[in-house]
Amino acid sequence: MTTTLINVSNRLPVTVGETITKSSGGLVAALEGLSAEEYDLRWIGWPGGSMKDPGQKGEIERVLVREHGCTPVFLSDDEVAGHYEGISNSSIWPLLHYMPNYMRYDARWWDHYESVNQRFAEKVLESVKPGDLVWIHDYQLMLMPAMLHGLMPCLKIGFFLHTPFPSFETFRCHPKRRELVAGMLGADLIGFHTFGYMRHFRSTALRLLGAESEITRIRSEDGHTSVMGVFPIGINSGKFEEALDSQAFEKRRDEFHLANKGKQIVLSVERMDYTKGILHRLEAIEQFLEHFEDRDRIKFIFVSVPSREEVEEYKALREETESRVGRINGKYATLNSSP
């Protein structure tokens, strides 16, 4: 008999537009390896966009549940702006990555962050059954574990943070630091990528909330005990091996080698995000080209996936990146190639 596992994340693994398509986020890729034989896997999250027609919402929900095992949480434009673009990506995200200079905070954003977390918790209660496991993902839903635990104390709840957790000295900069940590402590199992991140969380919980811990167990003020663990996420190697064996890959590889014959290729792939060091890398490339005379022998390829384009810092980053790439190519391109 399979166990029902309810994944809860800000975004569903599918995006609703004119058609329903698979999402391309890192969380979706990380969970592709979950076995359908071991788990009855279901998903709760935002389907993207903003829908106001109740009839349209009802039809989309029926299709998502029936064909994709997904239950949508529909968000308004204001909720997306406050919860996702505001607190999640303009406030919490930069702090988790040791970049407090990018952090912005607005009390109205926090109201949306709190209410959206509550709506997600209530959506889980609509379908969860005794014995089900609930796995909550990432910084957009840090309040939800405690909310869900308060609504249904017997429910088994996991929470995994897919980002770093910074030192106390950095995390304490957030105006709602206590609420965020207390929210995470509502989970029965709290997962991190590395021991260092777990250690920072333990220290922060102790200094902010007086939560005592020993090795991997931590006790919150209400007496609830959580287990902490380190679970680094790997990749689905089988998927890559399958792609490498395909004729489509071999054809594209041969075309690429022919187009870049005799060149040393330097490849960079990431989201368009200020935490990825894109501008620093471009500065290093420009300095390298300034001192490397045989420039035709090397080619730099950047693949930067657009991300969070509604957030001002991301808009500015994309504009500056495109400007610097243009400047470098304009300075060092020849009739035969560009760097």
Foldseek 3Di string as FASTA:
>chain_A
DAAEEEEEEAEDQWADDVHIGGDDDPVNQLCPPDDVVRYPYAYEHARDDADDDPVVLVVVQVCCCVPPRYGYDHDHPLLCVLLPQACQPQAPVCLLLVRCVSHDDDVSSVVSLVVVLLSSLVVCVVDDDPRHEYEYEADSNLQNLQNNCVVPVNHAYEYEHPTAGDALVRLVVHPCSQNSLVSNQSHQEYEYADPVRVVRSQVNCCVRQVWDDDDQWTAGPVGDIHGYDHDHGDGPVVVVVVVCPDPVNVVVVVVVCVLLPQAAEAEEEEALDPSVCLVVVLVVVLVVLVPDDPVSRYDYYYHYHYDPCVHPVSVVSVVVNVVSQVVQQVVDPDPSGGD
